[in-house]
Amino acid sequence: MEFDDRRDAGRRLVAALHGWRGRPGLLVLGLPRGGVPVARVVADALGAPLDVLVVRKLGLPGHEEFAMGAIGPGGICVRSEACARWPVSQAVLDRVIARERAELDRRERRYRGERAPLVLAGRELLLVDDGLATGATMKAAVMAARAAGPQRIGVAVPVASREAVQSLEALADEVLSVFTPEHFLAVGAWYRDFAQTSDDEVCALLKD
């Protein structure tokens, strides 16, 4: 399976989310940046509001595509198995965390702007990204959301590794991936167009 782009991926994801239609208090949360175009399609199809939950991958120095872990709001920090395969010193990890925390804060200011603070308590949440490799960033998102006391948390993505799905099933109430290939490669390998989503695009999609 291959997706044309993130909007196409969103449309195919919607087809698998029929059980989420009509749920009272449903809120769709896109993980910026690439998850927001997918989440916009999902939110529109489900008739639910869209917002963002900002998390940041902790890339392995020199090989940033590999996630050592991820951080999220409220001091959430998740470590991935990459830390065991490619050990780094605590000093290096601390520098990466500090850099990504600064970027997380910048994106929070940029994307939220004058938007009202997120109120997640008692709501049904559907967390959407464009794909899961290690699943570290989505784990951070689920943990951050869970701390706010929602009624239910679902994770929905167009494509994911089997390992990521299995690890998230222990954290979320439901995990749905349209395509879970046996040999995963990278998220972008399953898209014909995987161009980077810009800050401006994220802001525009949140206004639609």
N, C-alpha and C. Protein backbone atom coordinates (compact mmCIF):
# COMPACT_ATOMS: atom_id res chain seq x y z
N MET A 1 0.85 -1.19 0.00
CA MET A 1 0.00 0.00 0.00
C MET A 1 0.88 1.23 0.00
N GLU A 2 0.47 2.24 -0.75
CA GLU A 2 1.19 3.51 -0.79
C GLU A 2 0.17 4.64 -0.86
N PHE A 3 0.41 5.70 -0.12
CA PHE A 3 -0.48 6.85 -0.10
C PHE A 3 0.04 7.94 -1.03
N ASP A 4 -0.88 8.64 -1.70
CA ASP A 4 -0.46 9.73 -2.59
C ASP A 4 0.21 10.83 -1.77
N ASP A 5 -0.45 11.25 -0.70
CA ASP A 5 0.06 12.30 0.18
C ASP A 5 -0.69 12.18 1.50
N ARG A 6 -0.50 13.14 2.39
CA ARG A 6 -1.12 13.05 3.72
C ARG A 6 -2.64 13.17 3.66
N ARG A 7 -3.15 13.95 2.74
CA ARG A 7 -4.62 14.06 2.64
C ARG A 7 -5.23 12.75 2.16
N ASP A 8 -4.57 12.11 1.20
CA ASP A 8 -5.03 10.80 0.75
C ASP A 8 -4.98 9.81 1.91
N ALA A 9 -3.91 9.87 2.69
CA ALA A 9 -3.80 8.99 3.85
C ALA A 9 -4.93 9.25 4.84
N GLY A 10 -5.28 10.52 5.03
CA GLY A 10 -6.39 10.85 5.92
C GLY A 10 -7.70 10.27 5.44
N ARG A 11 -7.93 10.34 4.15
CA ARG A 11 -9.18 9.79 3.60
C ARG A 11 -9.26 8.28 3.81
N ARG A 12 -8.15 7.61 3.61
CA ARG A 12 -8.17 6.15 3.81
C ARG A 12 -8.30 5.81 5.30
N LEU A 13 -7.75 6.65 6.14
CA LEU A 13 -7.88 6.42 7.57
C LEU A 13 -9.32 6.60 8.03
N VAL A 14 -10.00 7.59 7.48
CA VAL A 14 -11.40 7.83 7.84
C VAL A 14 -12.26 6.59 7.60
N ALA A 15 -11.98 5.88 6.52
CA ALA A 15 -12.76 4.70 6.19
C ALA A 15 -12.70 3.63 7.28
N ALA A 16 -11.63 3.67 8.08
CA ALA A 16 -11.47 2.68 9.15
C ALA A 16 -11.94 3.19 10.50
N LEU A 17 -12.47 4.42 10.54
CA LEU A 17 -12.83 5.03 11.81
C LEU A 17 -14.34 5.18 12.00
N HIS A 18 -15.11 4.33 11.35
CA HIS A 18 -16.58 4.45 11.43
C HIS A 18 -17.08 4.36 12.86
N GLY A 19 -16.37 3.63 13.71
CA GLY A 19 -16.80 3.49 15.10
C GLY A 19 -16.64 4.75 15.93
N TRP A 20 -15.92 5.74 15.38
CA TRP A 20 -15.70 6.99 16.10
C TRP A 20 -16.68 8.09 15.68
N ARG A 21 -17.52 7.83 14.71
CA ARG A 21 -18.47 8.84 14.26
C ARG A 21 -19.56 9.07 15.33
N GLY A 22 -19.89 10.34 15.52
CA GLY A 22 -21.00 10.67 16.40
C GLY A 22 -20.72 10.54 17.88
N ARG A 23 -19.48 10.39 18.27
CA ARG A 23 -19.19 10.29 19.69
C ARG A 23 -19.24 11.68 20.33
N PRO A 24 -20.02 11.85 21.38
CA PRO A 24 -20.14 13.17 22.01
C PRO A 24 -18.82 13.59 22.66
N GLY A 25 -18.47 14.85 22.47
CA GLY A 25 -17.26 15.36 23.09
C GLY A 25 -15.97 14.92 22.43
N LEU A 26 -16.07 14.34 21.23
CA LEU A 26 -14.86 13.87 20.55
C LEU A 26 -13.99 15.05 20.13
N LEU A 27 -12.69 14.92 20.37
CA LEU A 27 -11.71 15.92 19.94
C LEU A 27 -10.59 15.20 19.20
N VAL A 28 -10.29 15.66 17.99
CA VAL A 28 -9.19 15.10 17.20
C VAL A 28 -7.95 15.95 17.45
N LEU A 29 -6.86 15.29 17.82
CA LEU A 29 -5.60 15.97 18.09
C LEU A 29 -4.55 15.51 17.09
N GLY A 30 -4.06 16.44 16.27
CA GLY A 30 -3.01 16.12 15.33
C GLY A 30 -1.65 16.37 15.95
N LEU A 31 -0.69 15.49 15.63
CA LEU A 31 0.68 15.68 16.10
C LEU A 31 1.44 16.46 15.03
N PRO A 32 1.85 17.69 15.34
CA PRO A 32 2.54 18.50 14.33
C PRO A 32 3.97 18.00 14.12
N ARG A 33 4.47 18.19 12.89
CA ARG A 33 3.70 18.93 11.91
C ARG A 33 2.94 17.98 10.97
N GLY A 34 3.59 16.87 10.59
CA GLY A 34 3.02 16.02 9.54
C GLY A 34 1.69 15.38 9.85
N GLY A 35 1.35 15.26 11.13
CA GLY A 35 0.08 14.63 11.48
C GLY A 35 -1.11 15.54 11.31
N VAL A 36 -0.88 16.86 11.23
CA VAL A 36 -2.00 17.80 11.17
C VAL A 36 -2.79 17.71 9.86
N PRO A 37 -2.14 17.61 8.68
CA PRO A 37 -2.94 17.44 7.45
C PRO A 37 -3.80 16.17 7.47
N VAL A 38 -3.28 15.10 8.04
CA VAL A 38 -4.06 13.86 8.16
C VAL A 38 -5.22 14.09 9.12
N ALA A 39 -4.93 14.72 10.26
CA ALA A 39 -5.94 14.95 11.28
C ALA A 39 -7.04 15.89 10.80
N ARG A 40 -6.70 16.86 9.93
CA ARG A 40 -7.70 17.80 9.40
C ARG A 40 -8.77 17.03 8.62
N VAL A 41 -8.33 16.09 7.78
CA VAL A 41 -9.27 15.28 7.00
C VAL A 41 -10.13 14.43 7.93
N VAL A 42 -9.51 13.84 8.94
CA VAL A 42 -10.23 12.99 9.88
C VAL A 42 -11.26 13.80 10.67
N ALA A 43 -10.85 14.94 11.19
CA ALA A 43 -11.76 15.76 11.98
C ALA A 43 -12.96 16.21 11.16
N ASP A 44 -12.73 16.64 9.93
CA ASP A 44 -13.83 17.09 9.08
C ASP A 44 -14.81 15.96 8.80
N ALA A 45 -14.27 14.77 8.53
CA ALA A 45 -15.13 13.63 8.21
C ALA A 45 -15.94 13.16 9.41
N LEU A 46 -15.36 13.29 10.61
CA LEU A 46 -16.04 12.84 11.82
C LEU A 46 -16.91 13.94 12.44
N GLY A 47 -16.82 15.15 11.87
CA GLY A 47 -17.59 16.26 12.43
C GLY A 47 -17.11 16.67 13.81
N ALA A 48 -15.80 16.55 14.03
CA ALA A 48 -15.22 16.85 15.34
C ALA A 48 -14.27 18.04 15.23
N PRO A 49 -14.07 18.78 16.31
CA PRO A 49 -13.08 19.86 16.30
C PRO A 49 -11.67 19.30 16.22
N LEU A 50 -10.77 20.13 15.69
CA LEU A 50 -9.36 19.75 15.55
C LEU A 50 -8.50 20.66 16.40
N ASP A 51 -7.52 20.07 17.06
CA ASP A 51 -6.51 20.85 17.77
C ASP A 51 -5.18 20.10 17.65
N VAL A 52 -4.14 20.65 18.27
CA VAL A 52 -2.82 20.02 18.19
C VAL A 52 -2.32 19.66 19.58
N LEU A 53 -1.52 18.61 19.62
CA LEU A 53 -0.80 18.23 20.83
C LEU A 53 0.66 18.15 20.42
N VAL A 54 1.45 19.10 20.90
CA VAL A 54 2.83 19.23 20.44
C VAL A 54 3.75 18.30 21.21
N VAL A 55 4.44 17.44 20.50
CA VAL A 55 5.47 16.57 21.05
C VAL A 55 6.69 16.67 20.15
N ARG A 56 7.84 16.23 20.65
CA ARG A 56 9.07 16.32 19.88
C ARG A 56 9.88 15.05 20.01
N LYS A 57 10.35 14.56 18.87
CA LYS A 57 11.25 13.41 18.85
C LYS A 57 12.62 13.83 19.35
N LEU A 58 13.29 12.93 20.05
CA LEU A 58 14.68 13.13 20.46
C LEU A 58 15.55 12.33 19.50
N GLY A 59 16.07 13.01 18.49
CA GLY A 59 16.85 12.32 17.47
C GLY A 59 18.25 11.96 17.95
N LEU A 60 18.72 10.80 17.54
CA LEU A 60 20.07 10.36 17.87
C LEU A 60 21.08 11.28 17.18
N PRO A 61 22.00 11.90 17.90
CA PRO A 61 22.95 12.82 17.28
C PRO A 61 23.70 12.17 16.11
N GLY A 62 23.68 12.86 14.97
CA GLY A 62 24.31 12.33 13.77
C GLY A 62 23.41 11.44 12.96
N HIS A 63 22.34 10.95 13.55
CA HIS A 63 21.36 10.09 12.88
C HIS A 63 19.97 10.47 13.40
N GLU A 64 19.59 11.72 13.15
CA GLU A 64 18.38 12.26 13.76
C GLU A 64 17.10 11.54 13.36
N GLU A 65 17.14 10.74 12.29
CA GLU A 65 15.95 9.99 11.90
C GLU A 65 15.62 8.88 12.90
N PHE A 66 16.60 8.47 13.70
CA PHE A 66 16.38 7.45 14.72
C PHE A 66 15.99 8.12 16.03
N ALA A 67 14.89 7.70 16.61
CA ALA A 67 14.38 8.33 17.83
C ALA A 67 14.98 7.67 19.07
N MET A 68 15.68 8.47 19.86
CA MET A 68 16.12 8.00 21.18
C MET A 68 14.95 8.02 22.14
N GLY A 69 13.94 8.79 21.80
CA GLY A 69 12.78 8.96 22.66
C GLY A 69 12.00 10.16 22.20
N ALA A 70 11.21 10.73 23.09
CA ALA A 70 10.40 11.90 22.75
C ALA A 70 10.01 12.62 24.02
N ILE A 71 9.66 13.90 23.85
CA ILE A 71 9.17 14.69 24.97
C ILE A 71 7.80 15.25 24.64
N GLY A 72 7.05 15.56 25.69
CA GLY A 72 5.73 16.14 25.50
C GLY A 72 5.45 17.18 26.57
N PRO A 73 4.27 17.78 26.56
CA PRO A 73 3.91 18.78 27.57
C PRO A 73 3.95 18.20 28.97
N GLY A 74 4.14 19.09 29.94
CA GLY A 74 4.11 18.66 31.33
C GLY A 74 5.32 17.87 31.77
N GLY A 75 6.44 18.01 31.06
CA GLY A 75 7.66 17.31 31.45
C GLY A 75 7.72 15.86 31.05
N ILE A 76 6.80 15.42 30.19
CA ILE A 76 6.79 14.02 29.73
C ILE A 76 8.07 13.74 28.94
N CYS A 77 8.73 12.62 29.25
CA CYS A 77 9.92 12.20 28.51
C CYS A 77 9.87 10.68 28.37
N VAL A 78 9.95 10.21 27.13
CA VAL A 78 9.89 8.79 26.83
C VAL A 78 11.23 8.37 26.22
N ARG A 79 11.78 7.25 26.67
CA ARG A 79 13.00 6.71 26.09
C ARG A 79 12.63 5.52 25.21
N SER A 80 13.31 5.39 24.08
CA SER A 80 13.04 4.28 23.17
C SER A 80 14.16 3.26 23.21
N GLU A 81 13.95 2.13 22.53
CA GLU A 81 14.96 1.08 22.50
C GLU A 81 16.23 1.52 21.78
N ALA A 82 16.14 2.60 21.00
CA ALA A 82 17.33 3.10 20.30
C ALA A 82 18.42 3.50 21.29
N CYS A 83 18.03 3.91 22.48
CA CYS A 83 19.02 4.29 23.49
C CYS A 83 19.87 3.10 23.88
N ALA A 84 19.29 1.91 23.88
CA ALA A 84 20.05 0.72 24.22
C ALA A 84 20.96 0.29 23.08
N ARG A 85 20.48 0.47 21.84
CA ARG A 85 21.29 0.06 20.68
C ARG A 85 22.41 1.04 20.40
N TRP A 86 22.14 2.34 20.62
CA TRP A 86 23.15 3.37 20.38
C TRP A 86 23.26 4.22 21.63
N PRO A 87 23.96 3.72 22.65
CA PRO A 87 24.02 4.46 23.91
C PRO A 87 24.70 5.81 23.75
N VAL A 88 24.15 6.81 24.42
CA VAL A 88 24.74 8.15 24.45
C VAL A 88 24.89 8.55 25.91
N SER A 89 25.78 9.48 26.17
CA SER A 89 25.99 9.92 27.53
C SER A 89 24.80 10.74 28.02
N GLN A 90 24.68 10.84 29.32
CA GLN A 90 23.60 11.64 29.89
C GLN A 90 23.74 13.10 29.49
N ALA A 91 24.98 13.57 29.38
CA ALA A 91 25.21 14.96 28.99
C ALA A 91 24.69 15.23 27.59
N VAL A 92 24.95 14.30 26.65
CA VAL A 92 24.46 14.45 25.28
C VAL A 92 22.94 14.41 25.26
N LEU A 93 22.37 13.46 25.99
CA LEU A 93 20.91 13.35 26.04
C LEU A 93 20.29 14.62 26.60
N ASP A 94 20.90 15.17 27.65
CA ASP A 94 20.37 16.40 28.26
C ASP A 94 20.40 17.56 27.27
N ARG A 95 21.45 17.64 26.44
CA ARG A 95 21.53 18.72 25.45
C ARG A 95 20.44 18.56 24.40
N VAL A 96 20.20 17.33 23.96
CA VAL A 96 19.16 17.08 22.97
C VAL A 96 17.79 17.44 23.56
N ILE A 97 17.54 17.03 24.79
CA ILE A 97 16.26 17.33 25.44
C ILE A 97 16.06 18.84 25.56
N ALA A 98 17.10 19.56 25.97
CA ALA A 98 16.99 21.01 26.11
C ALA A 98 16.68 21.68 24.78
N ARG A 99 17.34 21.23 23.72
CA ARG A 99 17.10 21.81 22.39
C ARG A 99 15.67 21.53 21.93
N GLU A 100 15.22 20.30 22.11
CA GLU A 100 13.88 19.95 21.65
C GLU A 100 12.79 20.56 22.53
N ARG A 101 13.10 20.76 23.81
CA ARG A 101 12.12 21.43 24.67
C ARG A 101 11.92 22.87 24.23
N ALA A 102 13.02 23.52 23.82
CA ALA A 102 12.91 24.90 23.31
C ALA A 102 12.07 24.93 22.04
N GLU A 103 12.26 23.95 21.16
CA GLU A 103 11.48 23.89 19.92
C GLU A 103 10.02 23.57 20.22
N LEU A 104 9.77 22.69 21.17
CA LEU A 104 8.39 22.38 21.56
C LEU A 104 7.69 23.64 22.05
N ASP A 105 8.38 24.41 22.89
CA ASP A 105 7.79 25.65 23.41
C ASP A 105 7.51 26.64 22.28
N ARG A 106 8.44 26.72 21.33
CA ARG A 106 8.25 27.64 20.18
C ARG A 106 7.02 27.25 19.38
N ARG A 107 6.89 25.96 19.13
CA ARG A 107 5.74 25.50 18.34
C ARG A 107 4.43 25.70 19.10
N GLU A 108 4.45 25.48 20.40
CA GLU A 108 3.26 25.74 21.20
C GLU A 108 2.80 27.19 21.02
N ARG A 109 3.75 28.10 21.10
CA ARG A 109 3.40 29.52 20.94
C ARG A 109 2.89 29.81 19.54
N ARG A 110 3.54 29.22 18.55
CA ARG A 110 3.17 29.50 17.15
C ARG A 110 1.82 28.90 16.81
N TYR A 111 1.59 27.66 17.15
CA TYR A 111 0.37 26.98 16.73
C TYR A 111 -0.84 27.37 17.57
N ARG A 112 -0.61 27.56 18.86
CA ARG A 112 -1.76 27.86 19.71
C ARG A 112 -2.16 29.32 19.59
N GLY A 113 -1.17 30.21 19.50
CA GLY A 113 -1.51 31.62 19.33
C GLY A 113 -2.54 32.07 20.35
N GLU A 114 -3.69 32.49 19.85
CA GLU A 114 -4.77 32.95 20.73
C GLU A 114 -5.82 31.86 20.95
N ARG A 115 -5.49 30.64 20.56
CA ARG A 115 -6.43 29.54 20.78
C ARG A 115 -6.61 29.30 22.28
N ALA A 116 -7.79 28.85 22.64
CA ALA A 116 -8.05 28.55 24.05
C ALA A 116 -7.19 27.37 24.50
N PRO A 117 -6.84 27.33 25.78
CA PRO A 117 -6.07 26.19 26.29
C PRO A 117 -6.81 24.88 26.06
N LEU A 118 -6.04 23.82 25.86
CA LEU A 118 -6.64 22.51 25.68
C LEU A 118 -7.34 22.06 26.96
N VAL A 119 -8.59 21.62 26.82
CA VAL A 119 -9.32 21.03 27.95
C VAL A 119 -9.65 19.60 27.54
N LEU A 120 -8.95 18.64 28.15
CA LEU A 120 -9.06 17.24 27.73
C LEU A 120 -9.83 16.38 28.74
N ALA A 121 -10.03 16.87 29.93
CA ALA A 121 -10.67 16.08 30.97
C ALA A 121 -12.07 15.65 30.55
N GLY A 122 -12.35 14.37 30.69
CA GLY A 122 -13.66 13.81 30.41
C GLY A 122 -14.00 13.65 28.95
N ARG A 123 -13.09 13.99 28.03
CA ARG A 123 -13.38 13.93 26.60
C ARG A 123 -12.87 12.65 25.98
N GLU A 124 -13.42 12.34 24.81
CA GLU A 124 -12.88 11.25 24.00
C GLU A 124 -11.89 11.87 23.02
N LEU A 125 -10.68 11.36 23.02
CA LEU A 125 -9.61 11.93 22.21
C LEU A 125 -9.17 10.95 21.14
N LEU A 126 -8.94 11.47 19.94
CA LEU A 126 -8.39 10.67 18.86
C LEU A 126 -7.09 11.33 18.42
N LEU A 127 -5.96 10.70 18.72
CA LEU A 127 -4.65 11.24 18.40
C LEU A 127 -4.22 10.73 17.04
N VAL A 128 -3.85 11.64 16.15
CA VAL A 128 -3.58 11.29 14.75
C VAL A 128 -2.19 11.77 14.34
N ASP A 129 -1.44 10.88 13.67
CA ASP A 129 -0.15 11.26 13.08
C ASP A 129 -0.09 10.66 11.68
N ASP A 130 0.96 11.03 10.92
CA ASP A 130 1.06 10.50 9.56
C ASP A 130 1.70 9.13 9.50
N GLY A 131 2.17 8.63 10.63
CA GLY A 131 2.75 7.29 10.69
C GLY A 131 3.55 7.11 11.96
N LEU A 132 3.82 5.84 12.30
CA LEU A 132 4.57 5.52 13.51
C LEU A 132 5.73 4.60 13.16
N ALA A 133 6.93 5.03 13.49
CA ALA A 133 8.10 4.17 13.30
C ALA A 133 8.41 3.48 14.64
N THR A 134 9.07 4.19 15.54
CA THR A 134 9.29 3.64 16.88
C THR A 134 8.06 3.83 17.77
N GLY A 135 7.26 4.84 17.44
CA GLY A 135 6.09 5.15 18.26
C GLY A 135 6.41 6.04 19.45
N ALA A 136 7.66 6.51 19.57
CA ALA A 136 8.07 7.29 20.75
C ALA A 136 7.27 8.58 20.88
N THR A 137 7.12 9.33 19.77
CA THR A 137 6.41 10.60 19.87
C THR A 137 4.94 10.39 20.23
N MET A 138 4.33 9.35 19.68
CA MET A 138 2.93 9.08 20.02
C MET A 138 2.80 8.63 21.47
N LYS A 139 3.77 7.88 21.97
CA LYS A 139 3.75 7.50 23.39
C LYS A 139 3.76 8.74 24.27
N ALA A 140 4.63 9.69 23.93
CA ALA A 140 4.69 10.93 24.71
C ALA A 140 3.36 11.66 24.64
N ALA A 141 2.73 11.66 23.47
CA ALA A 141 1.44 12.33 23.31
C ALA A 141 0.36 11.65 24.15
N VAL A 142 0.32 10.33 24.11
CA VAL A 142 -0.69 9.59 24.88
C VAL A 142 -0.49 9.82 26.37
N MET A 143 0.76 9.79 26.82
CA MET A 143 1.03 9.99 28.24
C MET A 143 0.65 11.40 28.69
N ALA A 144 0.95 12.39 27.85
CA ALA A 144 0.58 13.77 28.18
C ALA A 144 -0.94 13.93 28.22
N ALA A 145 -1.62 13.33 27.26
CA ALA A 145 -3.08 13.42 27.22
C ALA A 145 -3.71 12.68 28.40
N ARG A 146 -3.18 11.51 28.73
CA ARG A 146 -3.72 10.70 29.82
C ARG A 146 -3.66 11.46 31.14
N ALA A 147 -2.61 12.25 31.33
CA ALA A 147 -2.46 13.01 32.58
C ALA A 147 -3.55 14.04 32.77
N ALA A 148 -4.23 14.42 31.67
CA ALA A 148 -5.29 15.42 31.75
C ALA A 148 -6.65 14.82 32.08
N GLY A 149 -6.74 13.51 32.19
CA GLY A 149 -7.97 12.87 32.62
C GLY A 149 -9.07 12.72 31.59
N PRO A 150 -8.74 12.33 30.34
CA PRO A 150 -9.80 12.12 29.34
C PRO A 150 -10.59 10.85 29.62
N GLN A 151 -11.73 10.74 28.98
CA GLN A 151 -12.55 9.53 29.13
C GLN A 151 -11.95 8.36 28.35
N ARG A 152 -11.43 8.65 27.17
CA ARG A 152 -10.93 7.60 26.30
C ARG A 152 -9.89 8.19 25.34
N ILE A 153 -8.87 7.40 25.02
CA ILE A 153 -7.85 7.83 24.08
C ILE A 153 -7.69 6.79 22.97
N GLY A 154 -7.87 7.25 21.74
CA GLY A 154 -7.62 6.41 20.59
C GLY A 154 -6.44 6.95 19.81
N VAL A 155 -5.69 6.07 19.18
CA VAL A 155 -4.57 6.43 18.31
C VAL A 155 -4.91 5.94 16.91
N ALA A 156 -4.78 6.83 15.92
CA ALA A 156 -5.12 6.46 14.55
C ALA A 156 -4.05 7.00 13.60
N VAL A 157 -3.51 6.09 12.78
CA VAL A 157 -2.46 6.47 11.81
C VAL A 157 -2.66 5.68 10.52
N PRO A 158 -2.17 6.23 9.41
CA PRO A 158 -2.27 5.49 8.15
C PRO A 158 -1.34 4.28 8.09
N VAL A 159 -0.13 4.40 8.68
CA VAL A 159 0.84 3.31 8.58
C VAL A 159 1.67 3.29 9.86
N ALA A 160 2.06 2.09 10.29
CA ALA A 160 2.84 1.96 11.52
C ALA A 160 3.61 0.65 11.50
N SER A 161 4.70 0.65 12.23
CA SER A 161 5.42 -0.61 12.43
C SER A 161 4.64 -1.46 13.43
N ARG A 162 4.80 -2.75 13.32
CA ARG A 162 4.10 -3.64 14.25
C ARG A 162 4.55 -3.41 15.68
N GLU A 163 5.83 -3.13 15.85
CA GLU A 163 6.37 -2.90 17.19
C GLU A 163 5.74 -1.66 17.83
N ALA A 164 5.56 -0.60 17.03
CA ALA A 164 4.95 0.61 17.56
C ALA A 164 3.51 0.37 17.98
N VAL A 165 2.76 -0.35 17.15
CA VAL A 165 1.37 -0.65 17.49
C VAL A 165 1.29 -1.44 18.79
N GLN A 166 2.13 -2.45 18.90
CA GLN A 166 2.10 -3.29 20.11
C GLN A 166 2.45 -2.50 21.36
N SER A 167 3.42 -1.62 21.26
CA SER A 167 3.81 -0.85 22.44
C SER A 167 2.73 0.15 22.84
N LEU A 168 2.03 0.72 21.86
CA LEU A 168 0.99 1.70 22.16
C LEU A 168 -0.29 1.06 22.67
N GLU A 169 -0.52 -0.18 22.33
CA GLU A 169 -1.73 -0.86 22.81
C GLU A 169 -1.74 -0.97 24.34
N ALA A 170 -0.57 -0.86 24.95
CA ALA A 170 -0.50 -0.91 26.42
C ALA A 170 -0.82 0.45 27.05
N LEU A 171 -0.87 1.50 26.22
CA LEU A 171 -1.08 2.85 26.74
C LEU A 171 -2.42 3.45 26.35
N ALA A 172 -2.84 3.21 25.11
CA ALA A 172 -4.08 3.80 24.59
C ALA A 172 -5.23 2.81 24.71
N ASP A 173 -6.46 3.33 24.64
CA ASP A 173 -7.63 2.46 24.70
C ASP A 173 -7.87 1.74 23.38
N GLU A 174 -7.43 2.36 22.28
CA GLU A 174 -7.58 1.75 20.96
C GLU A 174 -6.47 2.27 20.06
N VAL A 175 -5.88 1.37 19.28
CA VAL A 175 -4.84 1.74 18.33
C VAL A 175 -5.23 1.22 16.96
N LEU A 176 -5.32 2.11 15.98
CA LEU A 176 -5.74 1.72 14.64
C LEU A 176 -4.71 2.20 13.62
N SER A 177 -4.23 1.26 12.81
CA SER A 177 -3.32 1.58 11.71
C SER A 177 -3.89 0.95 10.45
N VAL A 178 -4.06 1.76 9.40
CA VAL A 178 -4.61 1.24 8.15
C VAL A 178 -3.70 0.17 7.57
N PHE A 179 -2.41 0.39 7.66
CA PHE A 179 -1.43 -0.51 7.06
C PHE A 179 -0.30 -0.74 8.05
N THR A 180 -0.05 -2.00 8.35
CA THR A 180 1.03 -2.37 9.27
C THR A 180 1.92 -3.38 8.58
N PRO A 181 2.87 -2.90 7.78
CA PRO A 181 3.70 -3.81 6.98
C PRO A 181 4.62 -4.68 7.82
N GLU A 182 4.90 -5.84 7.31
CA GLU A 182 5.81 -6.75 8.01
C GLU A 182 7.22 -6.17 8.06
N HIS A 183 7.63 -5.57 6.95
CA HIS A 183 8.94 -4.92 6.90
C HIS A 183 8.69 -3.43 6.75
N PHE A 184 8.93 -2.68 7.81
CA PHE A 184 8.40 -1.31 7.87
C PHE A 184 9.19 -0.28 7.08
N LEU A 185 10.48 -0.21 7.18
CA LEU A 185 11.29 0.89 6.63
C LEU A 185 10.92 2.19 7.38
N ALA A 186 10.88 3.31 6.68
CA ALA A 186 10.55 4.60 7.30
C ALA A 186 9.13 5.00 6.92
N VAL A 187 8.54 5.92 7.70
CA VAL A 187 7.17 6.38 7.40
C VAL A 187 7.09 6.92 5.98
N GLY A 188 8.04 7.76 5.58
CA GLY A 188 8.01 8.38 4.26
C GLY A 188 8.07 7.41 3.11
N ALA A 189 8.52 6.18 3.36
CA ALA A 189 8.62 5.19 2.28
C ALA A 189 7.25 4.76 1.78
N TRP A 190 6.20 5.05 2.55
CA TRP A 190 4.85 4.61 2.18
C TRP A 190 4.02 5.75 1.58
N TYR A 191 4.68 6.87 1.28
CA TYR A 191 4.03 8.03 0.67
C TYR A 191 4.72 8.38 -0.65
N ARG A 192 3.93 8.67 -1.68
CA ARG A 192 4.51 9.19 -2.92
C ARG A 192 5.00 10.62 -2.72
N ASP A 193 4.21 11.41 -2.00
CA ASP A 193 4.57 12.79 -1.68
C ASP A 193 4.63 12.92 -0.17
N PHE A 194 5.86 13.07 0.35
CA PHE A 194 6.04 13.19 1.81
C PHE A 194 6.79 14.47 2.12
N ALA A 195 6.44 15.53 1.39
CA ALA A 195 7.08 16.83 1.60
C ALA A 195 6.83 17.31 3.02
N GLN A 196 7.80 18.01 3.56
CA GLN A 196 7.68 18.52 4.92
C GLN A 196 6.53 19.51 5.04
N THR A 197 5.77 19.39 6.11
CA THR A 197 4.69 20.33 6.40
C THR A 197 5.29 21.53 7.14
N SER A 198 4.92 22.73 6.70
CA SER A 198 5.48 23.95 7.30
C SER A 198 4.63 24.43 8.47
N ASP A 199 5.22 25.33 9.27
CA ASP A 199 4.47 25.96 10.35
C ASP A 199 3.25 26.70 9.80
N ASP A 200 3.42 27.40 8.68
CA ASP A 200 2.31 28.15 8.09
C ASP A 200 1.17 27.21 7.69
N GLU A 201 1.52 26.05 7.14
CA GLU A 201 0.48 25.08 6.77
C GLU A 201 -0.27 24.58 7.98
N VAL A 202 0.45 24.30 9.05
CA VAL A 202 -0.20 23.85 10.27
C VAL A 202 -1.19 24.89 10.76
N CYS A 203 -0.75 26.14 10.82
CA CYS A 203 -1.63 27.21 11.31
C CYS A 203 -2.87 27.37 10.42
N ALA A 204 -2.67 27.26 9.10
CA ALA A 204 -3.79 27.39 8.18
C ALA A 204 -4.79 26.25 8.35
N LEU A 205 -4.30 25.04 8.54
CA LEU A 205 -5.17 23.89 8.70
C LEU A 205 -5.98 23.98 10.00
N LEU A 206 -5.39 24.56 11.01
CA LEU A 206 -6.10 24.71 12.27
C LEU A 206 -7.21 25.75 12.20
N LYS A 207 -7.16 26.63 11.19
CA LYS A 207 -8.20 27.65 11.01
C LYS A 207 -9.33 27.19 10.11
N ASP A 208 -9.14 26.10 9.37
CA ASP A 208 -10.18 25.64 8.42
C ASP A 208 -11.49 25.32 9.13
